[in-house]
Amino acid sequence: MDITCLVRFPNLRVLHALAHYPDEEVVHKLFYSCPVLEDFATGGIIGNRKSKAFYISTLSLKKLEIAFFEYQGIEYSENEFVINAPILEHLTLKDNLCSISAKEFVLISQSRH
């Protein structure tokens, strides 16, 4: 049974979760099931040679943090994140395997660490 099709969080605004070996369809369903999500943070391992495309598309997202890391023995993977979040204010990316592109958002300020 696919539990992801049964879950809906219409009022969830903040979600921080680990995701080891995430599935593209689960990520898509997650954002669909959380229509007012404003703050999303995730991290974990994406470690295989099969490329994946993760689409993060939500009109309400203001803060996004992604931290995925290399699995032992894999030097490069062609995984991709495509972000469509028009009111995104904060973006943190920590990754050494994926390409990440952003659509429909304007960088307001750049933090220097």
C-alpha atoms as a PDB file:
ATOM      1  CA  MET A   1       0.000   0.000   0.000  1.00  0.00           C
ATOM      2  CA  ASP A   2       1.323   3.439  -0.954  1.00  0.00           C
ATOM      3  CA  ILE A   3       0.828   5.571   2.149  1.00  0.00           C
ATOM      4  CA  THR A   4       1.952   8.767   0.397  1.00  0.00           C
ATOM      5  CA  CYS A   5      -1.359   9.011  -1.461  1.00  0.00           C
ATOM      6  CA  LEU A   6      -3.306   8.892   1.834  1.00  0.00           C
ATOM      7  CA  VAL A   7      -1.497  11.730   3.623  1.00  0.00           C
ATOM      8  CA  ARG A   8      -2.646  15.351   3.482  1.00  0.00           C
ATOM      9  CA  PHE A   9      -1.534  18.212   5.719  1.00  0.00           C
ATOM     10  CA  PRO A  10      -3.561  21.245   4.589  1.00  0.00           C
ATOM     11  CA  ASN A  11      -2.386  23.480   7.466  1.00  0.00           C
ATOM     12  CA  LEU A  12       1.238  22.359   7.890  1.00  0.00           C
ATOM     13  CA  ARG A  13       3.577  25.348   7.641  1.00  0.00           C
ATOM     14  CA  VAL A  14       6.920  23.913   8.879  1.00  0.00           C
ATOM     15  CA  LEU A  15       8.464  20.541   8.018  1.00  0.00           C
ATOM     16  CA  HIS A  16      12.021  19.381   8.728  1.00  0.00           C
ATOM     17  CA  ALA A  17      12.774  15.768   7.758  1.00  0.00           C
ATOM     18  CA  LEU A  18      15.636  13.443   6.864  1.00  0.00           C
ATOM     19  CA  ALA A  19      15.347  11.533   3.613  1.00  0.00           C
ATOM     20  CA  HIS A  20      17.785   8.772   2.802  1.00  0.00           C
ATOM     21  CA  TYR A  21      17.465   7.684  -0.843  1.00  0.00           C
ATOM     22  CA  PRO A  22      14.399   9.862  -1.537  1.00  0.00           C
ATOM     23  CA  ASP A  23      12.051   9.070  -4.388  1.00  0.00           C
ATOM     24  CA  GLU A  24      11.047  11.780  -6.878  1.00  0.00           C
ATOM     25  CA  GLU A  25       7.346  10.869  -6.718  1.00  0.00           C
ATOM     26  CA  VAL A  26       7.301  11.026  -2.911  1.00  0.00           C
ATOM     27  CA  VAL A  27       8.840  14.517  -2.974  1.00  0.00           C
ATOM     28  CA  HIS A  28       6.224  15.669  -5.494  1.00  0.00           C
ATOM     29  CA  LYS A  29       3.367  14.209  -3.415  1.00  0.00           C
ATOM     30  CA  LEU A  30       4.767  15.764  -0.253  1.00  0.00           C
ATOM     31  CA  PHE A  31       4.558  19.300  -1.645  1.00  0.00           C
ATOM     32  CA  TYR A  32       1.142  18.606  -3.139  1.00  0.00           C
ATOM     33  CA  SER A  33      -0.126  17.396   0.250  1.00  0.00           C
ATOM     34  CA  CYS A  34       1.159  20.514   2.091  1.00  0.00           C
ATOM     35  CA  PRO A  35      -0.337  23.477   0.178  1.00  0.00           C
ATOM     36  CA  VAL A  36       0.619  26.171   2.745  1.00  0.00           C
ATOM     37  CA  LEU A  37       4.126  24.914   3.576  1.00  0.00           C
ATOM     38  CA  GLU A  38       6.387  27.899   4.296  1.00  0.00           C
ATOM     39  CA  ASP A  39       9.520  26.327   5.798  1.00  0.00           C
ATOM     40  CA  PHE A  40      10.972  23.046   4.505  1.00  0.00           C
ATOM     41  CA  ALA A  41      14.323  21.546   5.473  1.00  0.00           C
ATOM     42  CA  THR A  42      15.602  18.171   4.365  1.00  0.00           C
ATOM     43  CA  GLY A  43      18.827  16.294   4.219  1.00  0.00           C
ATOM     44  CA  GLY A  44      20.239  12.839   3.876  1.00  0.00           C
ATOM     45  CA  ILE A  45      21.892  10.600   1.345  1.00  0.00           C
ATOM     46  CA  ILE A  46      21.281  10.505  -2.391  1.00  0.00           C
ATOM     47  CA  GLY A  47      23.639   7.809  -3.386  1.00  0.00           C
ATOM     48  CA  ASN A  48      23.137   5.883  -6.565  1.00  0.00           C
ATOM     49  CA  ARG A  49      24.134   6.173 -10.154  1.00  0.00           C
ATOM     50  CA  LYS A  50      20.585   6.483 -11.460  1.00  0.00           C
ATOM     51  CA  SER A  51      19.861  10.164 -11.976  1.00  0.00           C
ATOM     52  CA  LYS A  52      16.759  11.643 -10.390  1.00  0.00           C
ATOM     53  CA  ALA A  53      14.956  14.942 -10.853  1.00  0.00           C
ATOM     54  CA  PHE A  54      13.302  16.448  -7.793  1.00  0.00           C
ATOM     55  CA  TYR A  55      10.715  19.158  -8.493  1.00  0.00           C
ATOM     56  CA  ILE A  56       9.965  21.490  -5.597  1.00  0.00           C
ATOM     57  CA  SER A  57       7.034  23.618  -6.612  1.00  0.00           C
ATOM     58  CA  THR A  58       4.891  25.518  -4.151  1.00  0.00           C
ATOM     59  CA  LEU A  59       3.499  29.030  -4.057  1.00  0.00           C
ATOM     60  CA  SER A  60       3.777  29.406  -0.263  1.00  0.00           C
ATOM     61  CA  LEU A  61       7.400  28.356   0.385  1.00  0.00           C
ATOM     62  CA  LYS A  62       9.515  31.077   2.012  1.00  0.00           C
ATOM     63  CA  LYS A  63      12.433  29.068   3.439  1.00  0.00           C
ATOM     64  CA  LEU A  64      14.127  26.046   1.871  1.00  0.00           C
ATOM     65  CA  GLU A  65      17.142  24.145   3.168  1.00  0.00           C
ATOM     66  CA  ILE A  66      18.545  21.145   1.292  1.00  0.00           C
ATOM     67  CA  ALA A  67      21.567  19.170   2.510  1.00  0.00           C
ATOM     68  CA  PHE A  68      22.244  15.958   0.583  1.00  0.00           C
ATOM     69  CA  PHE A  69      25.591  14.280   0.597  1.00  0.00           C
ATOM     70  CA  GLU A  70      27.674  11.770  -1.260  1.00  0.00           C
ATOM     71  CA  TYR A  71      27.223   8.102  -0.563  1.00  0.00           C
ATOM     72  CA  GLN A  72      30.444   6.185  -0.034  1.00  0.00           C
ATOM     73  CA  GLY A  73      32.211   5.477  -3.303  1.00  0.00           C
ATOM     74  CA  ILE A  74      30.158   7.747  -5.551  1.00  0.00           C
ATOM     75  CA  GLU A  75      32.000  10.778  -6.868  1.00  0.00           C
ATOM     76  CA  TYR A  76      29.303  12.337  -9.040  1.00  0.00           C
ATOM     77  CA  SER A  77      25.656  11.804  -9.780  1.00  0.00           C
ATOM     78  CA  GLU A  78      23.372  13.582 -12.227  1.00  0.00           C
ATOM     79  CA  ASN A  79      20.574  14.197  -9.742  1.00  0.00           C
ATOM     80  CA  GLU A  80      18.819  17.519 -10.130  1.00  0.00           C
ATOM     81  CA  PHE A  81      16.633  19.819  -8.034  1.00  0.00           C
ATOM     82  CA  VAL A  82      14.313  22.218  -9.817  1.00  0.00           C
ATOM     83  CA  ILE A  83      12.819  24.829  -7.500  1.00  0.00           C
ATOM     84  CA  ASN A  84       9.718  26.846  -8.346  1.00  0.00           C
ATOM     85  CA  ALA A  85       8.949  29.034  -5.329  1.00  0.00           C
ATOM     86  CA  PRO A  86       7.975  32.601  -6.264  1.00  0.00           C
ATOM     87  CA  ILE A  87       8.076  34.029  -2.713  1.00  0.00           C
ATOM     88  CA  LEU A  88      11.184  32.181  -1.506  1.00  0.00           C
ATOM     89  CA  GLU A  89      13.174  34.396   0.867  1.00  0.00           C
ATOM     90  CA  HIS A  90      15.807  32.015   2.239  1.00  0.00           C
ATOM     91  CA  LEU A  91      17.662  29.285   0.361  1.00  0.00           C
ATOM     92  CA  THR A  92      20.408  27.099   1.837  1.00  0.00           C
ATOM     93  CA  LEU A  93      22.042  24.418  -0.308  1.00  0.00           C
ATOM     94  CA  LYS A  94      24.620  21.977   0.952  1.00  0.00           C
ATOM     95  CA  ASP A  95      25.332  19.383  -1.665  1.00  0.00           C
ATOM     96  CA  ASN A  96      28.198  17.782  -3.492  1.00  0.00           C
ATOM     97  CA  LEU A  97      26.331  15.622  -6.004  1.00  0.00           C
ATOM     98  CA  CYS A  98      23.354  17.410  -7.531  1.00  0.00           C
ATOM     99  CA  SER A  99      22.762  20.305  -9.854  1.00  0.00           C
ATOM    100  CA  ILE A 100      20.235  22.786  -8.539  1.00  0.00           C
ATOM    101  CA  SER A 101      18.283  25.340 -10.544  1.00  0.00           C
ATOM    102  CA  ALA A 102      15.805  27.945  -9.379  1.00  0.00           C
ATOM    103  CA  LYS A 103      12.843  29.238 -11.367  1.00  0.00           C
ATOM    104  CA  GLU A 104      10.414  32.034 -10.607  1.00  0.00           C
ATOM    105  CA  PHE A 105      12.177  33.669  -7.692  1.00  0.00           C
ATOM    106  CA  VAL A 106      14.303  36.753  -7.304  1.00  0.00           C
ATOM    107  CA  LEU A 107      17.316  36.814  -5.007  1.00  0.00           C
ATOM    108  CA  ILE A 108      16.644  39.580  -2.490  1.00  0.00           C
ATOM    109  CA  SER A 109      19.954  39.514  -0.631  1.00  0.00           C
ATOM    110  CA  GLN A 110      23.021  37.338  -0.465  1.00  0.00           C
ATOM    111  CA  SER A 111      24.459  36.231   2.853  1.00  0.00           C
ATOM    112  CA  ARG A 112      28.240  36.013   3.206  1.00  0.00           C
ATOM    113  CA  HIS A 113      29.705  33.602   5.737  1.00  0.00           C
END
